[in-house]
Amino acid sequence: GYRADLIFGLDATAIHSSGFFAGQNTDLEQAFVDFNIPVGNGLKVIFGKTVTLMGVEVIEEVANPNWSEGNQFLFVENFTQTGVQLAYKWNDKLDTEFVVFNGWDQLPDNNDAVSFMGRLGYAVDSNTTLAVLGYGGPEQTTVSLGGTGTTSNWRDGVELIGQRKFTDKLNSYVQ
């Protein structure tokens, strides 16, 4: 399969990848191809620019489960990355995703090294899910943080996300 999303307006200005459509109210939010490989329960492989695995909030305001944008979404998480992503659902309860990428909201990348992001999800029951996500890589500019090399300023972290669906119209999240 494949997918490409363009975004226009003030949201595009806020989330656009540095160096891409610079100074315009336009962004190529994501553009990728995906392959389903018949291994076990099916391995999904995605190549290209994708939206982040991090957090609860999403870029498109109409699909965002929150009433407003949080500081973590705006200042801590990346919006997009460019690389390869692997996703595998082990069974009805357990799924994993792993991404190796060049560029944390950057096209082209601002350093010479790759970064990593991984997610482990667990379905407690049909209405409750838990996930742990970790990431790491040199995805801060050396100019902004005073680093001496292109792989300086390692950024890493872990987050936990829980979701409970009470009804078709009422969900709760903890991040």
Protein backbone atom coordinates (compact mmCIF):
# COMPACT_ATOMS: atom_id res chain seq x y z
CA GLY A 1 0.00 0.00 0.00
CA TYR A 2 0.94 3.65 0.09
CA ARG A 3 -0.19 6.90 1.66
CA ALA A 4 0.60 10.59 1.28
CA ASP A 5 -0.92 13.41 3.35
CA LEU A 6 -0.51 17.13 2.73
CA ILE A 7 -1.54 19.57 5.42
CA PHE A 8 -2.28 23.27 4.88
CA GLY A 9 -2.83 26.28 7.12
CA LEU A 10 -1.63 27.28 10.57
CA ASP A 11 -1.23 23.68 11.76
CA ALA A 12 1.13 23.04 8.84
CA THR A 13 3.22 26.04 9.89
CA ALA A 14 3.46 24.71 13.46
CA ILE A 15 4.40 21.11 12.60
CA HIS A 16 6.24 21.39 9.28
CA SER A 17 9.54 19.60 8.92
CA SER A 18 12.46 21.99 8.93
CA GLY A 19 13.88 22.50 5.47
CA PHE A 20 10.73 21.32 3.67
CA PHE A 21 8.22 23.85 2.29
CA ALA A 22 10.11 26.43 4.39
CA GLY A 23 8.14 29.59 5.12
CA GLN A 24 4.90 28.21 3.68
CA ASN A 25 1.61 27.13 5.25
CA THR A 26 2.06 23.68 3.71
CA ASP A 27 3.66 20.44 4.85
CA LEU A 28 4.01 16.93 3.53
CA GLU A 29 2.83 15.39 6.79
CA GLN A 30 3.57 11.83 5.73
CA ALA A 31 4.38 9.88 2.58
CA PHE A 32 5.21 6.19 2.71
CA VAL A 33 4.83 2.76 1.15
CA ASP A 34 3.98 -0.28 3.23
CA PHE A 35 4.34 -3.99 2.71
CA ASN A 36 2.70 -6.86 4.54
CA ILE A 37 5.11 -9.78 4.69
CA PRO A 38 3.50 -13.18 5.36
CA VAL A 39 5.66 -14.17 8.33
CA GLY A 40 3.86 -15.58 11.38
CA ASN A 41 0.91 -13.27 12.04
CA GLY A 42 2.11 -10.82 9.39
CA LEU A 43 5.00 -8.37 9.54
CA LYS A 44 4.19 -4.85 8.38
CA VAL A 45 7.14 -2.89 6.93
CA ILE A 46 6.79 0.84 6.21
CA PHE A 47 9.32 2.99 4.30
CA GLY A 48 9.13 6.78 4.20
CA LYS A 49 8.00 9.74 6.28
CA THR A 50 5.47 8.78 8.96
CA VAL A 51 3.82 10.41 11.95
CA THR A 52 5.27 9.61 15.35
CA LEU A 53 4.41 6.63 17.53
CA MET A 54 4.66 8.88 20.59
CA GLY A 55 1.81 10.15 22.68
CA VAL A 56 -1.96 10.26 22.49
CA GLU A 57 -2.52 13.44 20.51
CA VAL A 58 -2.47 13.59 16.73
CA ILE A 59 -1.71 16.37 14.26
CA GLU A 60 -5.18 16.68 12.72
CA GLU A 61 -7.31 18.62 15.20
CA VAL A 62 -10.56 16.90 14.17
CA ALA A 63 -9.06 13.49 15.06
CA ASN A 64 -7.39 14.63 18.29
CA PRO A 65 -8.96 12.94 21.34
CA ASN A 66 -8.15 15.99 23.53
CA TRP A 67 -9.89 19.34 23.60
CA SER A 68 -6.59 21.19 23.26
CA GLU A 69 -2.94 20.61 22.43
CA GLY A 70 -0.71 19.74 25.39
CA ASN A 71 2.79 21.05 26.05
CA GLN A 72 4.24 17.55 25.75
CA PHE A 73 2.77 17.19 22.25
CA LEU A 74 4.09 20.58 21.18
CA PHE A 75 7.50 20.67 22.87
CA VAL A 76 8.65 17.13 23.76
CA GLU A 77 7.43 14.74 21.06
CA ASN A 78 8.41 14.66 17.45
CA PHE A 79 5.61 15.03 14.93
CA THR A 80 7.19 12.99 12.12
CA GLN A 81 10.20 10.87 11.27
CA THR A 82 11.68 9.52 8.05
CA GLY A 83 12.93 5.95 7.95
CA VAL A 84 11.76 2.34 8.19
CA GLN A 85 9.14 1.02 10.60
CA LEU A 86 8.37 -2.59 11.52
CA ALA A 87 5.09 -3.63 13.18
CA TYR A 88 4.13 -7.09 14.38
CA LYS A 89 1.08 -8.34 16.30
CA TRP A 90 2.20 -11.39 18.28
CA ASN A 91 -1.30 -12.40 19.39
CA ASP A 92 -4.60 -10.83 20.51
CA LYS A 93 -2.89 -9.22 23.50
CA LEU A 94 0.62 -8.20 22.46
CA ASP A 95 1.93 -6.00 19.63
CA THR A 96 5.25 -4.30 18.89
CA GLU A 97 6.57 -1.55 16.64
CA PHE A 98 10.15 -0.48 15.95
CA VAL A 99 11.39 2.49 13.91
CA VAL A 100 14.88 3.37 12.70
CA PHE A 101 14.91 6.89 11.30
CA ASN A 102 16.91 9.83 10.04
CA GLY A 103 15.30 13.06 11.00
CA TRP A 104 13.14 14.15 13.93
CA ASP A 105 10.94 16.67 12.12
CA GLN A 106 13.85 17.30 9.75
CA LEU A 107 14.11 16.98 5.95
CA PRO A 108 16.98 16.56 5.27
CA ASP A 109 18.32 15.26 8.58
CA ASN A 110 20.51 17.62 10.63
CA ASN A 111 23.08 15.01 11.68
CA ASP A 112 24.90 11.91 10.46
CA ALA A 113 23.38 9.29 12.78
CA VAL A 114 20.16 7.30 13.03
CA SER A 115 17.65 7.35 15.87
CA PHE A 116 15.38 4.63 17.23
CA MET A 117 11.86 4.39 18.59
CA GLY A 118 10.07 1.31 19.86
CA ARG A 119 6.64 0.52 21.26
CA LEU A 120 5.27 -2.47 23.16
CA GLY A 121 1.48 -2.63 23.44
CA TYR A 122 -0.68 -4.87 25.62
CA ALA A 123 -4.46 -5.28 25.43
CA VAL A 124 -5.70 -5.98 28.96
CA ASP A 125 -9.18 -6.59 27.56
CA SER A 126 -11.25 -5.37 24.61
CA ASN A 127 -11.64 -1.91 26.23
CA THR A 128 -8.29 -1.37 27.96
CA THR A 129 -4.80 -1.03 26.46
CA LEU A 130 -1.39 -0.23 27.89
CA ALA A 131 1.75 0.72 25.99
CA VAL A 132 5.34 1.59 26.79
CA LEU A 133 7.38 3.56 24.26
CA GLY A 134 11.07 4.34 24.22
CA TYR A 135 13.18 6.48 21.92
CA GLY A 136 16.76 7.61 21.55
CA GLY A 137 19.05 9.35 19.13
CA PRO A 138 20.96 12.55 18.36
CA GLU A 139 17.91 14.55 17.36
CA GLN A 140 18.76 17.95 18.77
CA THR A 141 20.72 20.49 16.81
CA THR A 142 24.30 21.06 17.92
CA VAL A 143 23.82 24.79 17.45
CA SER A 144 20.91 25.02 19.90
CA LEU A 145 22.55 22.93 22.64
CA GLY A 146 26.24 23.66 22.18
CA GLY A 147 27.34 20.18 21.09
CA THR A 148 30.65 19.61 19.37
CA GLY A 149 29.77 16.92 16.81
CA THR A 150 26.98 15.84 14.55
CA THR A 151 26.00 13.04 16.92
CA SER A 152 26.02 15.19 20.08
CA ASN A 153 22.98 16.00 22.16
CA TRP A 154 21.45 12.56 22.53
CA ARG A 155 17.71 12.75 23.14
CA ASP A 156 16.06 9.78 24.84
CA GLY A 157 13.05 8.98 26.92
CA VAL A 158 10.32 6.57 27.88
CA GLU A 159 6.59 7.10 28.14
CA LEU A 160 3.64 5.03 29.29
CA ILE A 161 0.17 5.30 27.79
CA GLY A 162 -3.03 3.77 29.07
CA GLN A 163 -6.44 3.87 27.43
CA ARG A 164 -9.83 2.81 28.75
CA LYS A 165 -12.89 2.87 26.50
CA PHE A 166 -16.08 3.23 28.57
CA THR A 167 -18.61 3.63 25.75
CA ASP A 168 -18.48 4.27 21.99
CA LYS A 169 -18.28 8.01 22.76
CA LEU A 170 -16.29 8.10 26.01
CA ASN A 171 -12.59 7.24 26.21
CA SER A 172 -9.97 8.06 28.80
CA TYR A 173 -6.21 8.25 28.34
CA VAL A 174 -3.29 8.53 30.73
CA GLN A 175 0.14 9.48 29.39
